[in-house]
Amino acid sequence: EPVRLGEDVFADGTISEKTREKALAAFSKFKGLLKSHDVQHTKAVATSALREAKDRDAFILQVKKESGIEIDLIDGIQEGKYIFSAVSHRVDLNDKSALLIDIGGGSVELTLADHGKPKHTQSFKLGTVRMLRLLNEKKMKERQCKELIESQMGPVRDFLKLAMRDVHPDVAIGTGGNFECLGKLRVALLHRSSIFSMTRPELAKLSDHLLKMSPRDRIHVLRLRPDRADVVVPAAELTCAIMETAGIDLLQIPYVGLRDGILAELGARL
């Protein structure tokens, strides 16, 4: 259920009543699904938006009270571990060095992996919803997204400069819904055959194409979901900037994300 906690939290630090109601309705729906399928084991996690919410404890308690679902608040490092687990179940990392990129609404998790082992992981406050919020606050147009991201890339450059002293990634691996969307757009707009990889120039070309369209046109012409049509541009621009900084030209898209890592851990414990 696409509920953007970050739209409120990144603006004033709290979850609005309207967003809270949407979230509680989603958890009520989850409760019904769990009951109808007789689910015995559940795990719910919260990431950057709730990490930063001043009223997070009250929200977590209310969700538990109304749905019976307990939310586990995880930090960026744990988020990176889940993502690495998800990728390693889908991609053979033993013969390569890779930069794992997970882009969410509030944060970006980067993990440098070398021959099957995660070596360096860091979380950055550069998520797509946060970037859109910043564009709005600075009264910048969507086409200035690249300019905004460049101004925010300092911590990422510092991390990669240090981490790449002993790990030199051959490929970037993108996880999450934004990358899945971009993979499909590669086929639809660039007329390529595969949704599972793309080059950095192709990604830049896709971003340029999307910027020529309004979010409304992306919904009606490209059939993108409303909650994807606006965030896909900062996702593409962020990825381009990260790949350029790391000197990587190839992006792989294994179609896994945070939830797959959570499922892998849950499955291993049962």
Protein backbone atom coordinates (compact mmCIF):
# COMPACT_ATOMS: atom_id res chain seq x y z
CA GLU A 1 0.00 0.00 0.00
CA PRO A 2 1.75 3.22 -1.13
CA VAL A 3 1.59 5.44 1.96
CA ARG A 4 4.26 8.14 2.02
CA LEU A 5 5.12 8.82 5.63
CA GLY A 6 8.12 10.80 4.43
CA GLU A 7 6.07 13.54 2.78
CA ASP A 8 5.11 14.74 6.25
CA VAL A 9 8.16 13.70 8.25
CA PHE A 10 10.73 15.27 5.92
CA ALA A 11 8.77 18.53 6.04
CA ASP A 12 8.05 19.06 9.74
CA GLY A 13 9.20 15.93 11.55
CA THR A 14 5.79 14.42 12.33
CA ILE A 15 3.16 12.26 10.64
CA SER A 16 -0.01 14.16 9.74
CA GLU A 17 -3.41 12.89 10.80
CA LYS A 18 -4.38 12.22 7.17
CA THR A 19 -1.27 10.12 6.52
CA ARG A 20 -1.65 8.34 9.84
CA GLU A 21 -5.20 7.33 8.87
CA LYS A 22 -3.98 6.00 5.51
CA ALA A 23 -1.26 3.98 7.22
CA LEU A 24 -3.64 2.56 9.83
CA ALA A 25 -6.10 1.61 7.08
CA ALA A 26 -3.28 -0.23 5.30
CA PHE A 27 -2.35 -2.15 8.45
CA SER A 28 -6.02 -2.97 9.00
CA LYS A 29 -6.05 -4.47 5.51
CA PHE A 30 -2.87 -6.44 6.31
CA LYS A 31 -4.51 -7.73 9.49
CA GLY A 32 -7.42 -9.05 7.47
CA LEU A 33 -5.12 -10.73 4.94
CA LEU A 34 -3.06 -12.36 7.67
CA LYS A 35 -6.21 -13.74 9.28
CA SER A 36 -7.78 -14.98 6.04
CA HIS A 37 -4.59 -16.85 5.08
CA ASP A 38 -3.97 -18.14 8.62
CA VAL A 39 -0.47 -16.63 8.63
CA GLN A 40 1.58 -17.74 11.63
CA HIS A 41 4.71 -15.59 11.30
CA THR A 42 4.94 -11.91 10.37
CA LYS A 43 7.61 -9.26 10.26
CA ALA A 44 7.10 -5.55 9.61
CA VAL A 45 9.97 -3.08 9.42
CA ALA A 46 10.18 0.71 9.31
CA THR A 47 12.99 2.63 7.62
CA SER A 48 14.11 6.24 7.19
CA ALA A 49 10.79 8.12 7.43
CA LEU A 50 9.82 6.55 10.74
CA ARG A 51 13.41 6.71 12.03
CA GLU A 52 13.15 10.48 11.76
CA ALA A 53 9.55 10.94 12.94
CA LYS A 54 9.24 12.66 16.31
CA ASP A 55 5.97 10.83 16.94
CA ARG A 56 7.24 7.41 15.82
CA ASP A 57 6.77 5.69 19.20
CA ALA A 58 3.11 6.73 19.38
CA PHE A 59 2.59 5.63 15.78
CA ILE A 60 4.19 2.21 16.36
CA LEU A 61 2.06 1.69 19.49
CA GLN A 62 -1.12 2.66 17.66
CA VAL A 63 -0.37 0.23 14.81
CA LYS A 64 0.26 -2.57 17.31
CA LYS A 65 -2.95 -1.74 19.20
CA GLU A 66 -5.21 -1.58 16.14
CA SER A 67 -3.73 -4.34 13.97
CA GLY A 68 -1.68 -6.53 16.27
CA ILE A 69 1.32 -6.01 13.96
CA GLU A 70 4.55 -5.02 15.69
CA ILE A 71 6.86 -2.74 13.72
CA ASP A 72 10.60 -3.26 13.96
CA LEU A 73 12.45 0.04 13.49
CA ILE A 74 15.69 -0.76 11.65
CA ASP A 75 18.71 1.46 10.97
CA GLY A 76 20.38 2.01 7.61
CA ILE A 77 23.05 -0.62 8.25
CA GLN A 78 20.46 -3.33 8.93
CA GLU A 79 18.57 -2.18 5.86
CA GLY A 80 21.76 -2.66 3.84
CA LYS A 81 22.18 -6.18 5.25
CA TYR A 82 18.68 -7.16 4.21
CA ILE A 83 19.30 -5.81 0.72
CA PHE A 84 22.60 -7.67 0.42
CA SER A 85 20.85 -10.87 1.48
CA ALA A 86 18.16 -10.34 -1.15
CA VAL A 87 20.68 -9.71 -3.92
CA SER A 88 22.94 -12.63 -2.95
CA HIS A 89 19.97 -15.01 -3.27
CA ARG A 90 19.40 -13.83 -6.85
CA VAL A 91 22.83 -12.83 -8.19
CA ASP A 92 26.13 -14.74 -7.95
CA LEU A 93 28.36 -12.21 -6.21
CA ASN A 94 31.24 -14.62 -5.64
CA ASP A 95 33.07 -13.78 -8.86
CA LYS A 96 32.75 -10.00 -8.81
CA SER A 97 32.98 -6.76 -6.87
CA ALA A 98 29.71 -4.84 -6.88
CA LEU A 99 28.13 -1.64 -5.63
CA LEU A 100 24.62 -2.34 -4.36
CA ILE A 101 22.30 0.67 -4.60
CA ASP A 102 18.92 0.72 -2.89
CA ILE A 103 16.91 3.91 -3.32
CA GLY A 104 13.92 4.49 -1.07
CA GLY A 105 11.77 7.49 -0.31
CA GLY A 106 13.95 8.82 2.48
CA SER A 107 17.35 7.23 2.10
CA VAL A 108 19.84 5.56 -0.20
CA GLU A 109 21.72 2.51 1.04
CA LEU A 110 25.06 1.75 -0.60
CA THR A 111 26.92 -1.50 -0.03
CA LEU A 112 30.28 -2.39 -1.54
CA ALA A 113 30.55 -6.16 -1.86
CA ASP A 114 33.66 -8.07 -2.82
CA HIS A 115 33.52 -11.71 -3.94
CA GLY A 116 30.37 -12.56 -2.03
CA LYS A 117 31.03 -10.57 1.14
CA PRO A 118 29.70 -7.12 2.11
CA LYS A 119 32.66 -4.90 2.94
CA HIS A 120 31.25 -1.38 3.41
CA THR A 121 27.66 -0.21 3.98
CA GLN A 122 26.36 3.31 4.52
CA SER A 123 22.97 5.02 4.49
CA PHE A 124 22.47 8.52 3.09
CA LYS A 125 19.54 10.92 3.40
CA LEU A 126 19.07 11.16 -0.35
CA GLY A 127 15.78 9.35 -0.95
CA THR A 128 13.44 10.25 -3.78
CA VAL A 129 10.59 11.70 -1.70
CA ARG A 130 13.14 13.71 0.27
CA MET A 131 14.62 15.08 -2.99
CA LEU A 132 11.17 16.05 -4.27
CA ARG A 133 10.47 17.79 -0.97
CA LEU A 134 13.78 19.67 -1.23
CA LEU A 135 13.03 20.72 -4.81
CA ASN A 136 9.74 22.15 -3.60
CA GLU A 137 11.31 23.94 -0.63
CA LYS A 138 13.97 25.52 -2.84
CA LYS A 139 11.35 26.42 -5.46
CA MET A 140 13.31 24.49 -8.08
CA LYS A 141 11.79 22.87 -11.17
CA GLU A 142 11.87 19.12 -11.77
CA ARG A 143 14.37 19.64 -14.58
CA GLN A 144 16.79 21.01 -11.94
CA CYS A 145 16.78 17.67 -10.12
CA LYS A 146 20.28 16.80 -11.37
CA GLU A 147 21.60 20.14 -10.12
CA LEU A 148 20.04 19.56 -6.69
CA ILE A 149 21.42 16.03 -6.41
CA GLU A 150 24.91 17.18 -7.35
CA SER A 151 24.79 19.64 -4.46
CA GLN A 152 23.91 16.81 -2.04
CA MET A 153 26.45 14.23 -3.20
CA GLY A 154 29.37 15.21 -0.92
CA PRO A 155 28.87 12.47 1.71
CA VAL A 156 28.47 9.81 -1.00
CA ARG A 157 31.69 10.90 -2.70
CA ASP A 158 33.55 10.80 0.62
CA PHE A 159 32.23 7.31 1.40
CA LEU A 160 33.08 5.89 -2.02
CA LYS A 161 36.52 7.47 -2.07
CA LEU A 162 37.35 5.75 1.23
CA ALA A 163 35.59 2.45 0.56
CA MET A 164 37.00 2.02 -2.95
CA ARG A 165 40.56 1.98 -1.64
CA ASP A 166 40.20 -1.77 -1.19
CA VAL A 167 37.10 -2.61 -3.26
CA HIS A 168 36.85 -1.66 -6.94
CA PRO A 169 33.32 -2.46 -8.15
CA ASP A 170 32.83 -3.83 -11.66
CA VAL A 171 29.07 -3.35 -11.69
CA ALA A 172 26.23 -1.56 -9.91
CA ILE A 173 23.20 -3.56 -8.75
CA GLY A 174 19.97 -1.63 -8.22
CA THR A 175 17.25 -2.89 -5.91
CA GLY A 176 13.69 -1.78 -5.28
CA GLY A 177 10.69 -0.58 -7.23
CA ASN A 178 12.33 2.39 -8.92
CA PHE A 179 14.89 0.17 -10.63
CA GLU A 180 12.23 -2.32 -11.69
CA CYS A 181 10.33 0.56 -13.28
CA LEU A 182 13.45 1.84 -15.05
CA GLY A 183 14.24 -1.63 -16.38
CA LYS A 184 10.80 -1.86 -17.99
CA LEU A 185 11.10 1.68 -19.37
CA ARG A 186 14.40 0.70 -21.01
CA VAL A 187 12.46 -1.79 -23.13
CA ALA A 188 9.48 0.48 -23.74
CA LEU A 189 11.31 3.72 -24.54
CA LEU A 190 14.75 2.64 -25.77
CA HIS A 191 13.52 -0.53 -27.50
CA ARG A 192 16.08 -2.79 -25.88
CA SER A 193 15.45 -6.48 -25.31
CA SER A 194 16.23 -6.88 -21.60
CA ILE A 195 14.73 -5.38 -18.44
CA PHE A 196 17.53 -6.75 -16.26
CA SER A 197 20.42 -4.40 -17.09
CA MET A 198 21.32 -1.08 -18.65
CA THR A 199 24.33 1.13 -19.26
CA ARG A 200 24.86 4.50 -17.60
CA PRO A 201 24.32 6.37 -20.92
CA GLU A 202 21.02 4.51 -21.35
CA LEU A 203 19.96 5.51 -17.85
CA ALA A 204 20.80 9.15 -18.56
CA LYS A 205 18.83 8.96 -21.81
CA LEU A 206 15.83 7.52 -19.96
CA SER A 207 15.97 10.33 -17.41
CA ASP A 208 16.10 12.95 -20.18
CA HIS A 209 13.09 11.33 -21.84
CA LEU A 210 11.09 11.30 -18.59
CA LEU A 211 11.95 14.93 -17.87
CA LYS A 212 10.30 15.92 -21.15
CA MET A 213 7.03 14.55 -19.78
CA SER A 214 4.96 15.71 -16.84
CA PRO A 215 4.20 13.24 -14.03
CA ARG A 216 0.60 13.21 -15.29
CA ASP A 217 1.76 12.21 -18.78
CA ARG A 218 3.96 9.48 -17.32
CA ILE A 219 0.84 8.06 -15.68
CA HIS A 220 -1.42 8.28 -18.73
CA VAL A 221 1.05 7.68 -21.56
CA LEU A 222 3.59 5.35 -19.92
CA ARG A 223 1.06 3.76 -17.54
CA LEU A 224 3.24 4.38 -14.50
CA ARG A 225 1.64 4.13 -11.06
CA PRO A 226 0.89 7.56 -9.56
CA ASP A 227 3.26 6.86 -6.65
CA ARG A 228 6.05 6.02 -9.12
CA ALA A 229 5.57 8.70 -11.78
CA ASP A 230 7.18 11.50 -9.76
CA VAL A 231 9.92 9.64 -7.86
CA VAL A 232 11.35 7.79 -10.88
CA VAL A 233 13.22 10.89 -12.10
CA PRO A 234 15.20 11.57 -8.90
CA ALA A 235 15.84 7.80 -8.71
CA ALA A 236 17.38 7.82 -12.19
CA GLU A 237 19.41 10.97 -11.54
CA LEU A 238 20.66 9.68 -8.17
CA THR A 239 21.76 6.43 -9.77
CA CYS A 240 23.56 8.22 -12.58
CA ALA A 241 25.40 10.43 -10.08
CA ILE A 242 26.41 7.46 -7.90
CA MET A 243 27.58 5.37 -10.86
CA GLU A 244 29.56 8.28 -12.27
CA THR A 245 31.24 8.86 -8.91
CA ALA A 246 32.15 5.17 -8.66
CA GLY A 247 33.27 4.98 -12.30
CA ILE A 248 30.74 2.24 -13.13
CA ASP A 249 29.07 1.93 -16.53
CA LEU A 250 26.84 -1.14 -16.10
CA LEU A 251 23.75 -1.47 -13.92
CA GLN A 252 22.11 -4.82 -13.18
CA ILE A 253 18.50 -5.05 -11.97
CA PRO A 254 17.75 -8.39 -10.24
CA TYR A 255 14.15 -7.48 -9.30
CA VAL A 256 14.57 -7.91 -5.56
CA GLY A 257 14.41 -5.45 -2.68
CA LEU A 258 14.25 -4.99 1.05
CA ARG A 259 11.23 -7.24 1.50
CA ASP A 260 13.02 -10.15 -0.21
CA GLY A 261 15.86 -9.87 2.30
CA ILE A 262 13.34 -9.85 5.15
CA LEU A 263 11.63 -12.95 3.71
CA ALA A 264 14.99 -14.73 3.38
CA GLU A 265 15.76 -14.07 7.06
CA LEU A 266 12.26 -15.08 8.16
CA GLY A 267 12.43 -18.27 6.11
CA ALA A 268 15.84 -19.19 7.54
CA ARG A 269 14.51 -18.93 11.10
CA LEU A 270 11.45 -21.12 10.58
